[in-house]
PDB file of all heavy atoms in Angstrom:
ATOM      1  N   LEU A   1     -11.188  -3.450  -3.184  1.00  0.00           N
ATOM      2  CA  LEU A   1      -9.726  -3.451  -3.182  1.00  0.00           C
ATOM      3  C   LEU A   1      -9.178  -3.982  -4.507  1.00  0.00           C
ATOM      4  O   LEU A   1      -8.217  -3.425  -5.052  1.00  0.00           O
ATOM      5  CB  LEU A   1      -9.196  -4.289  -2.018  1.00  0.00           C
ATOM      6  CG  LEU A   1      -7.673  -4.364  -1.881  1.00  0.00           C
ATOM      7  CD1 LEU A   1      -7.057  -2.975  -1.779  1.00  0.00           C
ATOM      8  CD2 LEU A   1      -7.280  -5.222  -0.681  1.00  0.00           C
ATOM      9  N   ALA A   2      -9.787  -5.035  -5.042  1.00  0.00           N
ATOM     10  CA  ALA A   2      -9.317  -5.581  -6.318  1.00  0.00           C
ATOM     11  C   ALA A   2      -9.435  -4.553  -7.440  1.00  0.00           C
ATOM     12  O   ALA A   2      -8.573  -4.468  -8.317  1.00  0.00           O
ATOM     13  CB  ALA A   2     -10.098  -6.845  -6.667  1.00  0.00           C
ATOM     14  N   ARG A   3     -10.478  -3.760  -7.411  1.00  0.00           N
ATOM     15  CA  ARG A   3     -10.680  -2.749  -8.451  1.00  0.00           C
ATOM     16  C   ARG A   3      -9.761  -1.544  -8.253  1.00  0.00           C
ATOM     17  O   ARG A   3      -9.386  -0.874  -9.220  1.00  0.00           O
ATOM     18  CB  ARG A   3     -12.135  -2.281  -8.462  1.00  0.00           C
ATOM     19  CG  ARG A   3     -13.146  -3.354  -8.878  1.00  0.00           C
ATOM     20  CD  ARG A   3     -14.567  -2.830  -8.798  1.00  0.00           C
ATOM     21  NE  ARG A   3     -14.784  -1.787  -9.784  1.00  0.00           N
ATOM     22  CZ  ARG A   3     -15.237  -1.991 -11.021  1.00  0.00           C
ATOM     23  NH1 ARG A   3     -15.527  -3.225 -11.428  1.00  0.00           N
ATOM     24  NH2 ARG A   3     -15.406  -0.990 -11.866  1.00  0.00           N
ATOM     25  N   SER A   4      -9.367  -1.267  -7.018  1.00  0.00           N
ATOM     26  CA  SER A   4      -8.597  -0.057  -6.717  1.00  0.00           C
ATOM     27  C   SER A   4      -7.094  -0.278  -6.690  1.00  0.00           C
ATOM     28  O   SER A   4      -6.331   0.689  -6.774  1.00  0.00           O
ATOM     29  CB  SER A   4      -9.023   0.507  -5.346  1.00  0.00           C
ATOM     30  OG  SER A   4     -10.406   0.773  -5.302  1.00  0.00           O
ATOM     31  N   LEU A   5      -6.658  -1.513  -6.562  1.00  0.00           N
ATOM     32  CA  LEU A   5      -5.253  -1.811  -6.305  1.00  0.00           C
ATOM     33  C   LEU A   5      -4.364  -1.304  -7.436  1.00  0.00           C
ATOM     34  O   LEU A   5      -4.584  -1.618  -8.600  1.00  0.00           O
ATOM     35  CB  LEU A   5      -5.085  -3.317  -6.149  1.00  0.00           C
ATOM     36  CG  LEU A   5      -3.824  -3.819  -5.448  1.00  0.00           C
ATOM     37  CD1 LEU A   5      -3.817  -3.405  -3.986  1.00  0.00           C
ATOM     38  CD2 LEU A   5      -3.736  -5.340  -5.575  1.00  0.00           C
ATOM     39  N   PRO A   6      -3.326  -0.518  -7.120  1.00  0.00           N
ATOM     40  CA  PRO A   6      -2.415  -0.054  -8.178  1.00  0.00           C
ATOM     41  C   PRO A   6      -1.480  -1.161  -8.633  1.00  0.00           C
ATOM     42  O   PRO A   6      -1.194  -2.103  -7.893  1.00  0.00           O
ATOM     43  CB  PRO A   6      -1.636   1.079  -7.500  1.00  0.00           C
ATOM     44  CG  PRO A   6      -1.682   0.759  -6.044  1.00  0.00           C
ATOM     45  CD  PRO A   6      -2.991   0.063  -5.811  1.00  0.00           C
ATOM     46  N   ALA A   7      -1.009  -1.055  -9.859  1.00  0.00           N
ATOM     47  CA  ALA A   7      -0.080  -2.041 -10.396  1.00  0.00           C
ATOM     48  C   ALA A   7       1.194  -2.069  -9.562  1.00  0.00           C
ATOM     49  O   ALA A   7       1.706  -1.025  -9.145  1.00  0.00           O
ATOM     50  CB  ALA A   7       0.247  -1.713 -11.849  1.00  0.00           C
ATOM     51  N   GLY A   8       1.698  -3.263  -9.323  1.00  0.00           N
ATOM     52  CA  GLY A   8       2.932  -3.418  -8.575  1.00  0.00           C
ATOM     53  C   GLY A   8       2.776  -3.375  -7.077  1.00  0.00           C
ATOM     54  O   GLY A   8       3.777  -3.384  -6.349  1.00  0.00           O
ATOM     55  N   ALA A   9       1.561  -3.342  -6.572  1.00  0.00           N
ATOM     56  CA  ALA A   9       1.342  -3.278  -5.129  1.00  0.00           C
ATOM     57  C   ALA A   9       1.776  -4.582  -4.465  1.00  0.00           C
ATOM     58  O   ALA A   9       1.878  -5.636  -5.101  1.00  0.00           O
ATOM     59  CB  ALA A   9      -0.124  -2.997  -4.816  1.00  0.00           C
ATOM     60  N   ILE A  10       2.029  -4.494  -3.171  1.00  0.00           N
ATOM     61  CA  ILE A  10       2.307  -5.651  -2.324  1.00  0.00           C
ATOM     62  C   ILE A  10       1.196  -5.707  -1.283  1.00  0.00           C
ATOM     63  O   ILE A  10       0.931  -4.711  -0.613  1.00  0.00           O
ATOM     64  CB  ILE A  10       3.669  -5.542  -1.628  1.00  0.00           C
ATOM     65  CG1 ILE A  10       4.797  -5.397  -2.657  1.00  0.00           C
ATOM     66  CG2 ILE A  10       3.923  -6.744  -0.718  1.00  0.00           C
ATOM     67  CD1 ILE A  10       6.110  -4.941  -2.059  1.00  0.00           C
ATOM     68  N   VAL A  11       0.539  -6.858  -1.156  1.00  0.00           N
ATOM     69  CA  VAL A  11      -0.571  -6.992  -0.216  1.00  0.00           C
ATOM     70  C   VAL A  11      -0.195  -8.024   0.841  1.00  0.00           C
ATOM     71  O   VAL A  11      -0.014  -9.204   0.533  1.00  0.00           O
ATOM     72  CB  VAL A  11      -1.875  -7.405  -0.920  1.00  0.00           C
ATOM     73  CG1 VAL A  11      -3.032  -7.415   0.080  1.00  0.00           C
ATOM     74  CG2 VAL A  11      -2.187  -6.460  -2.078  1.00  0.00           C
ATOM     75  N   SER A  12      -0.059  -7.578   2.080  1.00  0.00           N
ATOM     76  CA  SER A  12       0.186  -8.462   3.208  1.00  0.00           C
ATOM     77  C   SER A  12      -1.157  -8.820   3.826  1.00  0.00           C
ATOM     78  O   SER A  12      -1.877  -7.951   4.317  1.00  0.00           O
ATOM     79  CB  SER A  12       1.090  -7.774   4.247  1.00  0.00           C
ATOM     80  OG  SER A  12       1.237  -8.580   5.399  1.00  0.00           O
ATOM     81  N   VAL A  13      -1.494 -10.109   3.779  1.00  0.00           N
ATOM     82  CA  VAL A  13      -2.822 -10.564   4.198  1.00  0.00           C
ATOM     83  C   VAL A  13      -2.708 -11.337   5.500  1.00  0.00           C
ATOM     84  O   VAL A  13      -1.907 -12.271   5.610  1.00  0.00           O
ATOM     85  CB  VAL A  13      -3.453 -11.466   3.112  1.00  0.00           C
ATOM     86  CG1 VAL A  13      -4.789 -12.019   3.600  1.00  0.00           C
ATOM     87  CG2 VAL A  13      -3.653 -10.692   1.820  1.00  0.00           C
ATOM     88  N   GLU A  14      -3.495 -10.958   6.477  1.00  0.00           N
ATOM     89  CA  GLU A  14      -3.623 -11.758   7.696  1.00  0.00           C
ATOM     90  C   GLU A  14      -5.071 -11.715   8.155  1.00  0.00           C
ATOM     91  O   GLU A  14      -5.633 -10.643   8.380  1.00  0.00           O
ATOM     92  CB  GLU A  14      -2.711 -11.256   8.814  1.00  0.00           C
ATOM     93  CG  GLU A  14      -2.842 -12.123  10.059  1.00  0.00           C
ATOM     94  CD  GLU A  14      -1.805 -11.815  11.123  1.00  0.00           C
ATOM     95  OE1 GLU A  14      -1.467 -10.640  11.304  1.00  0.00           O
ATOM     96  OE2 GLU A  14      -1.336 -12.758  11.763  1.00  0.00           O
ATOM     97  N   GLY A  15      -5.659 -12.897   8.281  1.00  0.00           N
ATOM     98  CA  GLY A  15      -7.048 -12.982   8.705  1.00  0.00           C
ATOM     99  C   GLY A  15      -7.920 -13.490   7.577  1.00  0.00           C
ATOM    100  O   GLY A  15      -7.792 -13.075   6.427  1.00  0.00           O
ATOM    101  N   GLY A  16      -8.810 -14.398   7.918  1.00  0.00           N
ATOM    102  CA  GLY A  16      -9.664 -14.995   6.901  1.00  0.00           C
ATOM    103  C   GLY A  16     -10.870 -14.166   6.523  1.00  0.00           C
ATOM    104  O   GLY A  16     -11.475 -14.400   5.478  1.00  0.00           O
ATOM    105  N   THR A  17     -11.247 -13.193   7.348  1.00  0.00           N
ATOM    106  CA  THR A  17     -12.485 -12.461   7.103  1.00  0.00           C
ATOM    107  C   THR A  17     -12.504 -11.850   5.708  1.00  0.00           C
ATOM    108  O   THR A  17     -13.445 -12.040   4.939  1.00  0.00           O
ATOM    109  CB  THR A  17     -12.676 -11.361   8.164  1.00  0.00           C
ATOM    110  OG1 THR A  17     -12.728 -11.966   9.458  1.00  0.00           O
ATOM    111  CG2 THR A  17     -13.977 -10.596   7.918  1.00  0.00           C
ATOM    112  N   CYS A  18     -11.460 -11.115   5.370  1.00  0.00           N
ATOM    113  CA  CYS A  18     -11.373 -10.513   4.043  1.00  0.00           C
ATOM    114  C   CYS A  18     -10.261 -11.122   3.192  1.00  0.00           C
ATOM    115  O   CYS A  18     -10.230 -10.910   1.972  1.00  0.00           O
ATOM    116  CB  CYS A  18     -11.147  -9.006   4.162  1.00  0.00           C
ATOM    117  SG  CYS A  18     -12.552  -8.106   4.853  1.00  0.00           S
ATOM    118  N   GLY A  19      -9.349 -11.858   3.820  1.00  0.00           N
ATOM    119  CA  GLY A  19      -8.211 -12.403   3.084  1.00  0.00           C
ATOM    120  C   GLY A  19      -8.607 -13.397   2.012  1.00  0.00           C
ATOM    121  O   GLY A  19      -8.163 -13.315   0.862  1.00  0.00           O
ATOM    122  N   TYR A  20      -9.471 -14.358   2.357  1.00  0.00           N
ATOM    123  CA  TYR A  20      -9.886 -15.352   1.367  1.00  0.00           C
ATOM    124  C   TYR A  20     -10.703 -14.724   0.240  1.00  0.00           C
ATOM    125  O   TYR A  20     -10.443 -15.001  -0.945  1.00  0.00           O
ATOM    126  CB  TYR A  20     -10.661 -16.477   2.041  1.00  0.00           C
ATOM    127  CG  TYR A  20      -9.803 -17.376   2.888  1.00  0.00           C
ATOM    128  CD1 TYR A  20      -9.855 -17.315   4.274  1.00  0.00           C
ATOM    129  CD2 TYR A  20      -8.924 -18.286   2.307  1.00  0.00           C
ATOM    130  CE1 TYR A  20      -9.059 -18.129   5.061  1.00  0.00           C
ATOM    131  CE2 TYR A  20      -8.124 -19.109   3.080  1.00  0.00           C
ATOM    132  CZ  TYR A  20      -8.198 -19.031   4.464  1.00  0.00           C
ATOM    133  OH  TYR A  20      -7.408 -19.832   5.236  1.00  0.00           O
ATOM    134  N   PRO A  21     -11.700 -13.898   0.547  1.00  0.00           N
ATOM    135  CA  PRO A  21     -12.435 -13.270  -0.561  1.00  0.00           C
ATOM    136  C   PRO A  21     -11.543 -12.429  -1.460  1.00  0.00           C
ATOM    137  O   PRO A  21     -11.721 -12.409  -2.680  1.00  0.00           O
ATOM    138  CB  PRO A  21     -13.490 -12.414   0.147  1.00  0.00           C
ATOM    139  CG  PRO A  21     -13.655 -13.035   1.490  1.00  0.00           C
ATOM    140  CD  PRO A  21     -12.318 -13.580   1.854  1.00  0.00           C
ATOM    141  N   PHE A  22     -10.558 -11.720  -0.872  1.00  0.00           N
ATOM    142  CA  PHE A  22      -9.700 -10.891  -1.713  1.00  0.00           C
ATOM    143  C   PHE A  22      -8.852 -11.741  -2.636  1.00  0.00           C
ATOM    144  O   PHE A  22      -8.686 -11.414  -3.817  1.00  0.00           O
ATOM    145  CB  PHE A  22      -8.798  -9.994  -0.864  1.00  0.00           C
ATOM    146  CG  PHE A  22      -7.736  -9.316  -1.690  1.00  0.00           C
ATOM    147  CD1 PHE A  22      -8.073  -8.292  -2.555  1.00  0.00           C
ATOM    148  CD2 PHE A  22      -6.412  -9.741  -1.644  1.00  0.00           C
ATOM    149  CE1 PHE A  22      -7.113  -7.685  -3.355  1.00  0.00           C
ATOM    150  CE2 PHE A  22      -5.449  -9.145  -2.431  1.00  0.00           C
ATOM    151  CZ  PHE A  22      -5.802  -8.111  -3.297  1.00  0.00           C
ATOM    152  N   TYR A  23      -8.282 -12.839  -2.141  1.00  0.00           N
ATOM    153  CA  TYR A  23      -7.421 -13.654  -2.994  1.00  0.00           C
ATOM    154  C   TYR A  23      -8.201 -14.146  -4.211  1.00  0.00           C
ATOM    155  O   TYR A  23      -7.693 -14.146  -5.338  1.00  0.00           O
ATOM    156  CB  TYR A  23      -6.854 -14.824  -2.209  1.00  0.00           C
ATOM    157  CG  TYR A  23      -5.629 -15.444  -2.853  1.00  0.00           C
ATOM    158  CD1 TYR A  23      -4.360 -14.956  -2.564  1.00  0.00           C
ATOM    159  CD2 TYR A  23      -5.740 -16.505  -3.745  1.00  0.00           C
ATOM    160  CE1 TYR A  23      -3.221 -15.504  -3.154  1.00  0.00           C
ATOM    161  CE2 TYR A  23      -4.618 -17.064  -4.336  1.00  0.00           C
ATOM    162  CZ  TYR A  23      -3.360 -16.558  -4.043  1.00  0.00           C
ATOM    163  OH  TYR A  23      -2.249 -17.105  -4.633  1.00  0.00           O
ATOM    164  N   ALA A  24      -9.446 -14.554  -3.996  1.00  0.00           N
ATOM    165  CA  ALA A  24     -10.262 -15.012  -5.116  1.00  0.00           C
ATOM    166  C   ALA A  24     -10.567 -13.875  -6.080  1.00  0.00           C
ATOM    167  O   ALA A  24     -10.524 -14.044  -7.303  1.00  0.00           O
ATOM    168  CB  ALA A  24     -11.557 -15.631  -4.591  1.00  0.00           C
TER     169      ALA A  24
END
């Protein structure tokens, strides 16, 4: 997701399974 995310995207995160790894 970090590599694919387009500029200006909005990411609504709920859940620790993937939320914490993605933020890092």
